[in-house]
Amino acid sequence: MKSSTARATEIREVMDIRQASDYLGISPDTLYKYASESFIPAFKLGNRWRFKKSRLDEWMDRQSGVSALPEPAPAPKTVRPSQKKPVRSTRSGTRRISAAKAS
């Protein structure tokens, strides 16, 4: 037979304000404010806020910058060295040589 403390600490998929605030480690008042401002994923069942554990986990991952699926590494950019045209000194040099030979 389960004790009442073991049952109280059981994390369910759909939680009320108290359970979700315990799970997130924030006060129920803060969680109520976040839910009413649509800052945190929640829905109303009747006039009571409810929170899905899986949606809260996804939200926490997004808030902390952790993605559920690893993103592929960006392809390395190929850097081409700048190509310079070779200096053509042979043409001007041959003219000088041939001019010197002609004299």
C-alpha atoms as a PDB file:
ATOM      1  CA  MET A   1       0.000   0.000   0.000  1.00  0.00           C
ATOM      2  CA  LYS A   2       1.337   3.450  -0.964  1.00  0.00           C
ATOM      3  CA  SER A   3       1.876   6.014   1.721  1.00  0.00           C
ATOM      4  CA  SER A   4       0.390   9.485   1.370  1.00  0.00           C
ATOM      5  CA  THR A   5       3.848  11.110   1.127  1.00  0.00           C
ATOM      6  CA  ALA A   6       4.877   8.881  -1.772  1.00  0.00           C
ATOM      7  CA  ARG A   7       1.656   9.716  -3.539  1.00  0.00           C
ATOM      8  CA  ALA A   8       2.090  13.462  -2.943  1.00  0.00           C
ATOM      9  CA  THR A   9       5.592  13.494  -4.475  1.00  0.00           C
ATOM     10  CA  GLU A  10       4.481  11.555  -7.563  1.00  0.00           C
ATOM     11  CA  ILE A  11       4.863  13.754 -10.630  1.00  0.00           C
ATOM     12  CA  ARG A  12       1.891  13.523 -12.918  1.00  0.00           C
ATOM     13  CA  GLU A  13       1.657  14.520 -16.578  1.00  0.00           C
ATOM     14  CA  VAL A  14      -1.072  17.088 -15.859  1.00  0.00           C
ATOM     15  CA  MET A  15      -0.463  19.183 -12.773  1.00  0.00           C
ATOM     16  CA  ASP A  16      -2.349  21.893 -10.915  1.00  0.00           C
ATOM     17  CA  ILE A  17      -0.802  25.169  -9.735  1.00  0.00           C
ATOM     18  CA  ARG A  18       0.566  23.708  -6.503  1.00  0.00           C
ATOM     19  CA  GLN A  19       2.113  20.628  -8.122  1.00  0.00           C
ATOM     20  CA  ALA A  20       3.603  22.618 -11.004  1.00  0.00           C
ATOM     21  CA  SER A  21       5.021  25.282  -8.693  1.00  0.00           C
ATOM     22  CA  ASP A  22       6.686  22.553  -6.608  1.00  0.00           C
ATOM     23  CA  TYR A  23       8.033  20.953  -9.780  1.00  0.00           C
ATOM     24  CA  LEU A  24       9.430  24.271 -11.078  1.00  0.00           C
ATOM     25  CA  GLY A  25      10.625  25.484  -7.684  1.00  0.00           C
ATOM     26  CA  ILE A  26       8.716  28.762  -7.761  1.00  0.00           C
ATOM     27  CA  SER A  27       5.842  30.094  -5.689  1.00  0.00           C
ATOM     28  CA  PRO A  28       2.238  29.371  -6.733  1.00  0.00           C
ATOM     29  CA  ASP A  29       1.597  33.135  -6.958  1.00  0.00           C
ATOM     30  CA  THR A  30       4.468  33.592  -9.416  1.00  0.00           C
ATOM     31  CA  LEU A  31       3.317  30.614 -11.469  1.00  0.00           C
ATOM     32  CA  TYR A  32      -0.235  31.955 -11.575  1.00  0.00           C
ATOM     33  CA  LYS A  33       1.105  35.295 -12.836  1.00  0.00           C
ATOM     34  CA  TYR A  34       3.229  33.562 -15.513  1.00  0.00           C
ATOM     35  CA  ALA A  35       0.272  31.451 -16.652  1.00  0.00           C
ATOM     36  CA  SER A  36      -2.129  34.391 -16.863  1.00  0.00           C
ATOM     37  CA  GLU A  37       0.440  36.393 -18.876  1.00  0.00           C
ATOM     38  CA  SER A  38       1.050  33.395 -21.225  1.00  0.00           C
ATOM     39  CA  PHE A  39       4.720  33.439 -20.280  1.00  0.00           C
ATOM     40  CA  ILE A  40       4.612  29.748 -19.389  1.00  0.00           C
ATOM     41  CA  PRO A  41       2.640  27.036 -21.242  1.00  0.00           C
ATOM     42  CA  ALA A  42      -0.622  26.368 -19.407  1.00  0.00           C
ATOM     43  CA  PHE A  43      -4.302  25.824 -20.053  1.00  0.00           C
ATOM     44  CA  LYS A  44      -7.478  26.281 -18.100  1.00  0.00           C
ATOM     45  CA  LEU A  45      -9.728  23.383 -17.223  1.00  0.00           C
ATOM     46  CA  GLY A  46     -12.882  25.076 -16.030  1.00  0.00           C
ATOM     47  CA  ASN A  47     -11.572  27.984 -13.989  1.00  0.00           C
ATOM     48  CA  ARG A  48      -8.379  26.214 -12.818  1.00  0.00           C
ATOM     49  CA  TRP A  49      -4.940  26.386 -14.400  1.00  0.00           C
ATOM     50  CA  ARG A  50      -3.365  23.103 -15.486  1.00  0.00           C
ATOM     51  CA  PHE A  51       0.170  22.391 -16.665  1.00  0.00           C
ATOM     52  CA  LYS A  52       1.479  19.486 -18.739  1.00  0.00           C
ATOM     53  CA  LYS A  53       4.828  18.224 -17.495  1.00  0.00           C
ATOM     54  CA  SER A  54       6.103  17.551 -21.026  1.00  0.00           C
ATOM     55  CA  ARG A  55       5.254  21.102 -22.143  1.00  0.00           C
ATOM     56  CA  LEU A  56       6.930  22.558 -19.046  1.00  0.00           C
ATOM     57  CA  ASP A  57      10.055  20.491 -19.749  1.00  0.00           C
ATOM     58  CA  GLU A  58      10.157  21.743 -23.358  1.00  0.00           C
ATOM     59  CA  TRP A  59       9.641  25.319 -22.174  1.00  0.00           C
ATOM     60  CA  MET A  60      12.479  25.012 -19.632  1.00  0.00           C
ATOM     61  CA  ASP A  61      14.762  23.614 -22.331  1.00  0.00           C
ATOM     62  CA  ARG A  62      14.001  26.575 -24.587  1.00  0.00           C
ATOM     63  CA  GLN A  63      14.505  29.051 -21.749  1.00  0.00           C
ATOM     64  CA  SER A  64      17.856  27.551 -20.817  1.00  0.00           C
ATOM     65  CA  GLY A  65      19.053  27.372 -24.418  1.00  0.00           C
ATOM     66  CA  VAL A  66      19.077  23.581 -24.500  1.00  0.00           C
ATOM     67  CA  SER A  67      17.390  22.046 -27.526  1.00  0.00           C
ATOM     68  CA  ALA A  68      15.572  18.736 -27.346  1.00  0.00           C
ATOM     69  CA  LEU A  69      17.128  17.563 -30.614  1.00  0.00           C
ATOM     70  CA  PRO A  70      20.783  18.251 -31.260  1.00  0.00           C
ATOM     71  CA  GLU A  71      21.187  20.727 -34.079  1.00  0.00           C
ATOM     72  CA  PRO A  72      23.518  19.739 -36.898  1.00  0.00           C
ATOM     73  CA  ALA A  73      26.849  21.470 -36.848  1.00  0.00           C
ATOM     74  CA  PRO A  74      27.107  24.275 -39.393  1.00  0.00           C
ATOM     75  CA  ALA A  75      29.078  23.429 -42.493  1.00  0.00           C
ATOM     76  CA  PRO A  76      32.572  24.894 -42.364  1.00  0.00           C
ATOM     77  CA  LYS A  77      33.001  27.859 -44.659  1.00  0.00           C
ATOM     78  CA  THR A  78      35.634  27.450 -47.303  1.00  0.00           C
ATOM     79  CA  VAL A  79      37.946  30.408 -47.378  1.00  0.00           C
ATOM     80  CA  ARG A  80      39.718  30.902 -50.650  1.00  0.00           C
ATOM     81  CA  PRO A  81      43.007  32.743 -50.516  1.00  0.00           C
ATOM     82  CA  SER A  82      42.986  35.930 -52.513  1.00  0.00           C
ATOM     83  CA  GLN A  83      44.815  35.383 -55.761  1.00  0.00           C
ATOM     84  CA  LYS A  84      47.055  38.084 -57.054  1.00  0.00           C
ATOM     85  CA  LYS A  85      48.135  38.385 -60.630  1.00  0.00           C
ATOM     86  CA  PRO A  86      51.836  37.765 -61.101  1.00  0.00           C
ATOM     87  CA  VAL A  87      53.922  40.813 -61.824  1.00  0.00           C
ATOM     88  CA  ARG A  88      55.081  40.789 -65.426  1.00  0.00           C
ATOM     89  CA  SER A  89      58.517  42.275 -65.229  1.00  0.00           C
ATOM     90  CA  THR A  90      59.888  40.215 -68.119  1.00  0.00           C
ATOM     91  CA  ARG A  91      58.266  42.302 -70.812  1.00  0.00           C
ATOM     92  CA  SER A  92      59.653  45.622 -69.660  1.00  0.00           C
ATOM     93  CA  GLY A  93      63.004  43.971 -68.917  1.00  0.00           C
ATOM     94  CA  THR A  94      63.380  42.536 -72.415  1.00  0.00           C
ATOM     95  CA  ARG A  95      62.839  45.901 -73.998  1.00  0.00           C
ATOM     96  CA  ARG A  96      65.611  47.386 -71.943  1.00  0.00           C
ATOM     97  CA  ILE A  97      67.929  44.503 -72.766  1.00  0.00           C
ATOM     98  CA  SER A  98      67.177  44.584 -76.454  1.00  0.00           C
ATOM     99  CA  ALA A  99      67.563  48.370 -76.498  1.00  0.00           C
ATOM    100  CA  ALA A 100      70.911  48.030 -74.771  1.00  0.00           C
ATOM    101  CA  LYS A 101      72.023  45.370 -77.281  1.00  0.00           C
ATOM    102  CA  ALA A 102      71.021  47.538 -80.214  1.00  0.00           C
ATOM    103  CA  SER A 103      73.309  50.368 -79.140  1.00  0.00           C
END
